[in-house]
Amino acid sequence: MNLHKNKFYFSYFILLISLAIFISSCGSTKKVSSFSEKENNSSSTKIKTKYAELLNVKENKIDNIKLYTFINDWYGVKYKYGGKTKKGIDCSAFTSELYNNVYNKPLNGTAASIFYQCKPVSKNNLDEGDLVFFKIDNDNVTHIGVYLQNNKFVHASTKKGVMIDDLDEPYYKKYFYKGGRIKN
């Protein structure tokens, strides 16, 4: 009889432990998702603030959080000719990576070959996500970046890696060739 009583208490004990684990896990799931939402909102706000300042625009103009989060993740990665990773990347690989990840559009090749996949866009009509092309000491397109806003573009520069510059900086103004928009 003692054996049956012990089995009963043991089963009851297991049931209580299981119930306690179930209840506590349900409660913690809510807290985790609530924390994640706050963390996402905080992260978005930081991205908006940072890039509004860098681009000299109001925060409400930074609405493509996916784009600016991508840029933020790559910002400062050093330049490496032929590189395609965060250990080093060149301008065309960076642009391709951005287009693949942010816009879900496959884009591959050199700056010159990407240029031929675009329809021309005047500098005055560039929209966020358009491409900017440069001919640096060459008759062919040799450099590419992605237009953001307010005359600013992101690119992998040979000296400072992934960064944002202004199209009116003397160097880029001198070598700017054309803007382009990927053909559908």
C-alpha atoms as a PDB file:
ATOM      1  CA  MET A   1       0.000   0.000   0.000  1.00  0.00           C
ATOM      2  CA  ASN A   2       2.895   2.358   0.779  1.00  0.00           C
ATOM      3  CA  LEU A   3       4.235   1.813  -2.726  1.00  0.00           C
ATOM      4  CA  HIS A   4       0.972   2.999  -4.321  1.00  0.00           C
ATOM      5  CA  LYS A   5       0.914   6.055  -2.069  1.00  0.00           C
ATOM      6  CA  ASN A   6       4.504   6.949  -3.072  1.00  0.00           C
ATOM      7  CA  LYS A   7       3.678   6.562  -6.778  1.00  0.00           C
ATOM      8  CA  PHE A   8       0.660   8.832  -6.304  1.00  0.00           C
ATOM      9  CA  TYR A   9       2.727  11.540  -4.572  1.00  0.00           C
ATOM     10  CA  PHE A  10       5.499  11.238  -7.136  1.00  0.00           C
ATOM     11  CA  SER A  11       3.008  11.582 -10.031  1.00  0.00           C
ATOM     12  CA  TYR A  12       1.359  14.534  -8.294  1.00  0.00           C
ATOM     13  CA  PHE A  13       4.769  16.151  -7.746  1.00  0.00           C
ATOM     14  CA  ILE A  14       5.714  15.718 -11.446  1.00  0.00           C
ATOM     15  CA  LEU A  15       2.363  17.203 -12.492  1.00  0.00           C
ATOM     16  CA  LEU A  16       2.883  20.257 -10.265  1.00  0.00           C
ATOM     17  CA  ILE A  17       6.454  20.807 -11.566  1.00  0.00           C
ATOM     18  CA  SER A  18       5.259  20.482 -15.173  1.00  0.00           C
ATOM     19  CA  LEU A  19       2.441  22.938 -14.559  1.00  0.00           C
ATOM     20  CA  ALA A  20       4.825  25.423 -12.923  1.00  0.00           C
ATOM     21  CA  ILE A  21       7.249  25.203 -15.866  1.00  0.00           C
ATOM     22  CA  PHE A  22       4.403  25.592 -18.361  1.00  0.00           C
ATOM     23  CA  ILE A  23       2.974  28.658 -16.614  1.00  0.00           C
ATOM     24  CA  SER A  24       6.355  30.339 -16.184  1.00  0.00           C
ATOM     25  CA  SER A  25       7.358  29.688 -19.791  1.00  0.00           C
ATOM     26  CA  CYS A  26       4.113  31.195 -21.084  1.00  0.00           C
ATOM     27  CA  GLY A  27       4.695  34.325 -19.051  1.00  0.00           C
ATOM     28  CA  SER A  28       8.304  34.725 -20.142  1.00  0.00           C
ATOM     29  CA  THR A  29       7.413  34.422 -23.833  1.00  0.00           C
ATOM     30  CA  LYS A  30       5.246  37.501 -23.503  1.00  0.00           C
ATOM     31  CA  LYS A  31       8.021  39.437 -21.788  1.00  0.00           C
ATOM     32  CA  VAL A  32      10.595  38.412 -24.406  1.00  0.00           C
ATOM     33  CA  SER A  33       8.446  39.455 -27.369  1.00  0.00           C
ATOM     34  CA  SER A  34       7.554  42.710 -25.634  1.00  0.00           C
ATOM     35  CA  PHE A  35      11.258  43.349 -24.998  1.00  0.00           C
ATOM     36  CA  SER A  36      12.069  42.529 -28.643  1.00  0.00           C
ATOM     37  CA  GLU A  37       9.476  45.033 -29.850  1.00  0.00           C
ATOM     38  CA  LYS A  38      10.939  47.735 -27.614  1.00  0.00           C
ATOM     39  CA  GLU A  39      14.434  46.810 -28.770  1.00  0.00           C
ATOM     40  CA  ASN A  40      13.360  47.009 -32.462  1.00  0.00           C
ATOM     41  CA  ASN A  41      11.697  50.384 -31.923  1.00  0.00           C
ATOM     42  CA  SER A  42      14.759  51.660 -30.101  1.00  0.00           C
ATOM     43  CA  SER A  43      17.033  50.358 -32.856  1.00  0.00           C
ATOM     44  CA  SER A  44      14.880  51.977 -35.571  1.00  0.00           C
ATOM     45  CA  THR A  45      14.908  55.278 -33.701  1.00  0.00           C
ATOM     46  CA  LYS A  46      18.700  55.165 -33.386  1.00  0.00           C
ATOM     47  CA  ILE A  47      19.059  54.406 -37.109  1.00  0.00           C
ATOM     48  CA  LYS A  48      16.694  57.262 -38.025  1.00  0.00           C
ATOM     49  CA  THR A  49      18.512  59.706 -35.772  1.00  0.00           C
ATOM     50  CA  LYS A  50      21.982  58.710 -36.969  1.00  0.00           C
ATOM     51  CA  TYR A  51      21.229  58.796 -40.698  1.00  0.00           C
ATOM     52  CA  ALA A  52      19.043  61.907 -40.535  1.00  0.00           C
ATOM     53  CA  GLU A  53      22.062  63.648 -39.063  1.00  0.00           C
ATOM     54  CA  LEU A  54      24.528  62.169 -41.591  1.00  0.00           C
ATOM     55  CA  LEU A  55      22.283  63.099 -44.531  1.00  0.00           C
ATOM     56  CA  ASN A  56      21.226  66.434 -43.036  1.00  0.00           C
ATOM     57  CA  VAL A  57      17.506  65.620 -43.343  1.00  0.00           C
ATOM     58  CA  LYS A  58      14.628  65.336 -40.865  1.00  0.00           C
ATOM     59  CA  GLU A  59      14.147  61.971 -39.150  1.00  0.00           C
ATOM     60  CA  ASN A  60      10.787  61.414 -40.856  1.00  0.00           C
ATOM     61  CA  LYS A  61      12.657  61.332 -44.196  1.00  0.00           C
ATOM     62  CA  ILE A  62      14.462  58.156 -43.081  1.00  0.00           C
ATOM     63  CA  ASP A  63      11.689  55.679 -43.781  1.00  0.00           C
ATOM     64  CA  ASN A  64      13.485  52.756 -45.440  1.00  0.00           C
ATOM     65  CA  ILE A  65      14.798  51.271 -42.188  1.00  0.00           C
ATOM     66  CA  LYS A  66      15.959  48.124 -44.007  1.00  0.00           C
ATOM     67  CA  LEU A  67      18.255  50.218 -46.234  1.00  0.00           C
ATOM     68  CA  TYR A  68      19.785  52.232 -43.419  1.00  0.00           C
ATOM     69  CA  THR A  69      20.161  49.204 -41.161  1.00  0.00           C
ATOM     70  CA  PHE A  70      22.022  47.465 -43.991  1.00  0.00           C
ATOM     71  CA  ILE A  71      24.283  50.490 -44.444  1.00  0.00           C
ATOM     72  CA  ASN A  72      24.841  50.657 -40.695  1.00  0.00           C
ATOM     73  CA  ASP A  73      25.890  46.992 -40.609  1.00  0.00           C
ATOM     74  CA  TRP A  74      28.461  47.561 -43.370  1.00  0.00           C
ATOM     75  CA  TYR A  75      29.588  51.099 -42.498  1.00  0.00           C
ATOM     76  CA  GLY A  76      33.360  51.265 -42.181  1.00  0.00           C
ATOM     77  CA  VAL A  77      34.087  47.858 -43.748  1.00  0.00           C
ATOM     78  CA  LYS A  78      37.409  48.305 -45.510  1.00  0.00           C
ATOM     79  CA  TYR A  79      37.801  48.342 -49.262  1.00  0.00           C
ATOM     80  CA  LYS A  80      39.307  45.298 -50.940  1.00  0.00           C
ATOM     81  CA  TYR A  81      39.435  44.989 -54.716  1.00  0.00           C
ATOM     82  CA  GLY A  82      37.440  41.875 -55.623  1.00  0.00           C
ATOM     83  CA  GLY A  83      36.310  41.517 -52.005  1.00  0.00           C
ATOM     84  CA  LYS A  84      32.777  40.408 -51.254  1.00  0.00           C
ATOM     85  CA  THR A  85      32.658  40.041 -47.466  1.00  0.00           C
ATOM     86  CA  LYS A  86      32.853  42.153 -44.319  1.00  0.00           C
ATOM     87  CA  LYS A  87      36.585  41.442 -44.279  1.00  0.00           C
ATOM     88  CA  GLY A  88      36.826  43.667 -47.366  1.00  0.00           C
ATOM     89  CA  ILE A  89      34.544  44.625 -50.246  1.00  0.00           C
ATOM     90  CA  ASP A  90      34.768  46.624 -53.457  1.00  0.00           C
ATOM     91  CA  CYS A  91      32.254  49.154 -54.778  1.00  0.00           C
ATOM     92  CA  SER A  92      30.386  46.885 -57.191  1.00  0.00           C
ATOM     93  CA  ALA A  93      30.169  44.008 -54.708  1.00  0.00           C
ATOM     94  CA  PHE A  94      28.869  46.357 -52.019  1.00  0.00           C
ATOM     95  CA  THR A  95      26.239  47.754 -54.390  1.00  0.00           C
ATOM     96  CA  SER A  96      25.229  44.224 -55.434  1.00  0.00           C
ATOM     97  CA  GLU A  97      25.023  43.084 -51.811  1.00  0.00           C
ATOM     98  CA  LEU A  98      22.861  46.086 -50.940  1.00  0.00           C
ATOM     99  CA  TYR A  99      20.520  45.517 -53.888  1.00  0.00           C
ATOM    100  CA  ASN A 100      20.224  41.795 -53.198  1.00  0.00           C
ATOM    101  CA  ASN A 101      19.490  42.284 -49.490  1.00  0.00           C
ATOM    102  CA  VAL A 102      17.485  45.504 -49.380  1.00  0.00           C
ATOM    103  CA  TYR A 103      15.581  45.492 -52.667  1.00  0.00           C
ATOM    104  CA  ASN A 104      15.566  41.736 -53.400  1.00  0.00           C
ATOM    105  CA  LYS A 105      16.984  42.461 -56.849  1.00  0.00           C
ATOM    106  CA  PRO A 106      19.909  40.389 -58.089  1.00  0.00           C
ATOM    107  CA  LEU A 107      22.649  42.668 -59.319  1.00  0.00           C
ATOM    108  CA  ASN A 108      26.083  41.414 -60.270  1.00  0.00           C
ATOM    109  CA  GLY A 109      29.107  42.460 -62.250  1.00  0.00           C
ATOM    110  CA  THR A 110      31.518  45.350 -62.406  1.00  0.00           C
ATOM    111  CA  ALA A 111      30.514  49.007 -62.099  1.00  0.00           C
ATOM    112  CA  ALA A 112      30.706  49.264 -65.905  1.00  0.00           C
ATOM    113  CA  SER A 113      28.535  46.199 -66.542  1.00  0.00           C
ATOM    114  CA  ILE A 114      25.953  47.340 -63.966  1.00  0.00           C
ATOM    115  CA  PHE A 115      25.841  50.711 -65.746  1.00  0.00           C
ATOM    116  CA  TYR A 116      24.556  48.969 -68.880  1.00  0.00           C
ATOM    117  CA  GLN A 117      21.723  47.391 -66.863  1.00  0.00           C
ATOM    118  CA  CYS A 118      20.358  50.866 -66.087  1.00  0.00           C
ATOM    119  CA  LYS A 119      18.377  53.569 -67.773  1.00  0.00           C
ATOM    120  CA  PRO A 120      19.977  56.998 -67.299  1.00  0.00           C
ATOM    121  CA  VAL A 121      18.670  59.360 -64.635  1.00  0.00           C
ATOM    122  CA  SER A 122      19.783  62.984 -64.398  1.00  0.00           C
ATOM    123  CA  LYS A 123      21.505  64.063 -61.214  1.00  0.00           C
ATOM    124  CA  ASN A 124      18.521  66.305 -60.384  1.00  0.00           C
ATOM    125  CA  ASN A 125      16.057  63.402 -60.622  1.00  0.00           C
ATOM    126  CA  LEU A 126      17.858  60.811 -58.506  1.00  0.00           C
ATOM    127  CA  ASP A 127      15.699  58.912 -56.023  1.00  0.00           C
ATOM    128  CA  GLU A 128      16.780  56.908 -53.019  1.00  0.00           C
ATOM    129  CA  GLY A 129      18.120  53.578 -54.301  1.00  0.00           C
ATOM    130  CA  ASP A 130      19.203  54.869 -57.712  1.00  0.00           C
ATOM    131  CA  LEU A 131      22.776  54.210 -58.718  1.00  0.00           C
ATOM    132  CA  VAL A 132      25.513  56.763 -59.251  1.00  0.00           C
ATOM    133  CA  PHE A 133      28.412  56.101 -61.618  1.00  0.00           C
ATOM    134  CA  PHE A 134      31.845  57.655 -61.869  1.00  0.00           C
ATOM    135  CA  LYS A 135      34.607  57.646 -64.450  1.00  0.00           C
ATOM    136  CA  ILE A 136      37.763  58.084 -62.403  1.00  0.00           C
ATOM    137  CA  ASP A 137      40.790  58.787 -64.599  1.00  0.00           C
ATOM    138  CA  ASN A 138      39.331  56.477 -67.234  1.00  0.00           C
ATOM    139  CA  ASP A 139      37.046  56.478 -70.272  1.00  0.00           C
ATOM    140  CA  ASN A 140      34.952  53.715 -68.721  1.00  0.00           C
ATOM    141  CA  VAL A 141      32.773  53.637 -65.620  1.00  0.00           C
ATOM    142  CA  THR A 142      35.082  52.617 -62.776  1.00  0.00           C
ATOM    143  CA  HIS A 143      33.117  53.366 -59.604  1.00  0.00           C
ATOM    144  CA  ILE A 144      29.535  52.910 -58.375  1.00  0.00           C
ATOM    145  CA  GLY A 145      27.472  53.923 -55.367  1.00  0.00           C
ATOM    146  CA  VAL A 146      23.856  54.022 -54.244  1.00  0.00           C
ATOM    147  CA  TYR A 147      22.078  57.346 -54.007  1.00  0.00           C
ATOM    148  CA  LEU A 148      20.408  58.090 -50.678  1.00  0.00           C
ATOM    149  CA  GLN A 149      18.996  61.584 -50.182  1.00  0.00           C
ATOM    150  CA  ASN A 150      20.046  65.202 -50.171  1.00  0.00           C
ATOM    151  CA  ASN A 151      22.851  64.644 -52.689  1.00  0.00           C
ATOM    152  CA  LYS A 152      24.431  61.907 -50.528  1.00  0.00           C
ATOM    153  CA  PHE A 153      25.388  58.409 -51.637  1.00  0.00           C
ATOM    154  CA  VAL A 154      26.808  55.293 -49.989  1.00  0.00           C
ATOM    155  CA  HIS A 155      29.701  53.397 -51.541  1.00  0.00           C
ATOM    156  CA  ALA A 156      32.862  51.442 -50.821  1.00  0.00           C
ATOM    157  CA  SER A 157      35.645  53.971 -51.246  1.00  0.00           C
ATOM    158  CA  THR A 158      39.201  52.797 -51.802  1.00  0.00           C
ATOM    159  CA  LYS A 159      40.570  54.927 -48.957  1.00  0.00           C
ATOM    160  CA  LYS A 160      37.927  54.713 -46.222  1.00  0.00           C
ATOM    161  CA  GLY A 161      35.799  51.689 -47.091  1.00  0.00           C
ATOM    162  CA  VAL A 162      32.015  51.756 -46.894  1.00  0.00           C
ATOM    163  CA  MET A 163      30.916  55.310 -46.221  1.00  0.00           C
ATOM    164  CA  ILE A 164      28.585  58.124 -47.194  1.00  0.00           C
ATOM    165  CA  ASP A 165      29.789  61.047 -49.309  1.00  0.00           C
ATOM    166  CA  ASP A 166      28.259  64.044 -51.067  1.00  0.00           C
ATOM    167  CA  LEU A 167      28.039  64.251 -54.853  1.00  0.00           C
ATOM    168  CA  ASP A 168      29.096  67.912 -54.635  1.00  0.00           C
ATOM    169  CA  GLU A 169      32.403  67.171 -52.906  1.00  0.00           C
ATOM    170  CA  PRO A 170      35.026  68.366 -55.426  1.00  0.00           C
ATOM    171  CA  TYR A 171      36.455  64.871 -56.035  1.00  0.00           C
ATOM    172  CA  TYR A 172      33.068  63.250 -56.755  1.00  0.00           C
ATOM    173  CA  LYS A 173      31.794  66.278 -58.647  1.00  0.00           C
ATOM    174  CA  LYS A 174      34.844  66.041 -60.918  1.00  0.00           C
ATOM    175  CA  TYR A 175      34.397  62.338 -61.710  1.00  0.00           C
ATOM    176  CA  PHE A 176      30.589  61.967 -61.593  1.00  0.00           C
ATOM    177  CA  TYR A 177      29.378  60.452 -64.856  1.00  0.00           C
ATOM    178  CA  LYS A 178      25.679  59.597 -64.638  1.00  0.00           C
ATOM    179  CA  GLY A 179      22.867  58.397 -62.441  1.00  0.00           C
ATOM    180  CA  GLY A 180      21.043  55.215 -63.310  1.00  0.00           C
ATOM    181  CA  ARG A 181      17.952  53.228 -62.429  1.00  0.00           C
ATOM    182  CA  ILE A 182      17.859  49.464 -62.905  1.00  0.00           C
ATOM    183  CA  LYS A 183      15.675  48.477 -65.868  1.00  0.00           C
ATOM    184  CA  ASN A 184      12.733  46.235 -64.968  1.00  0.00           C
END
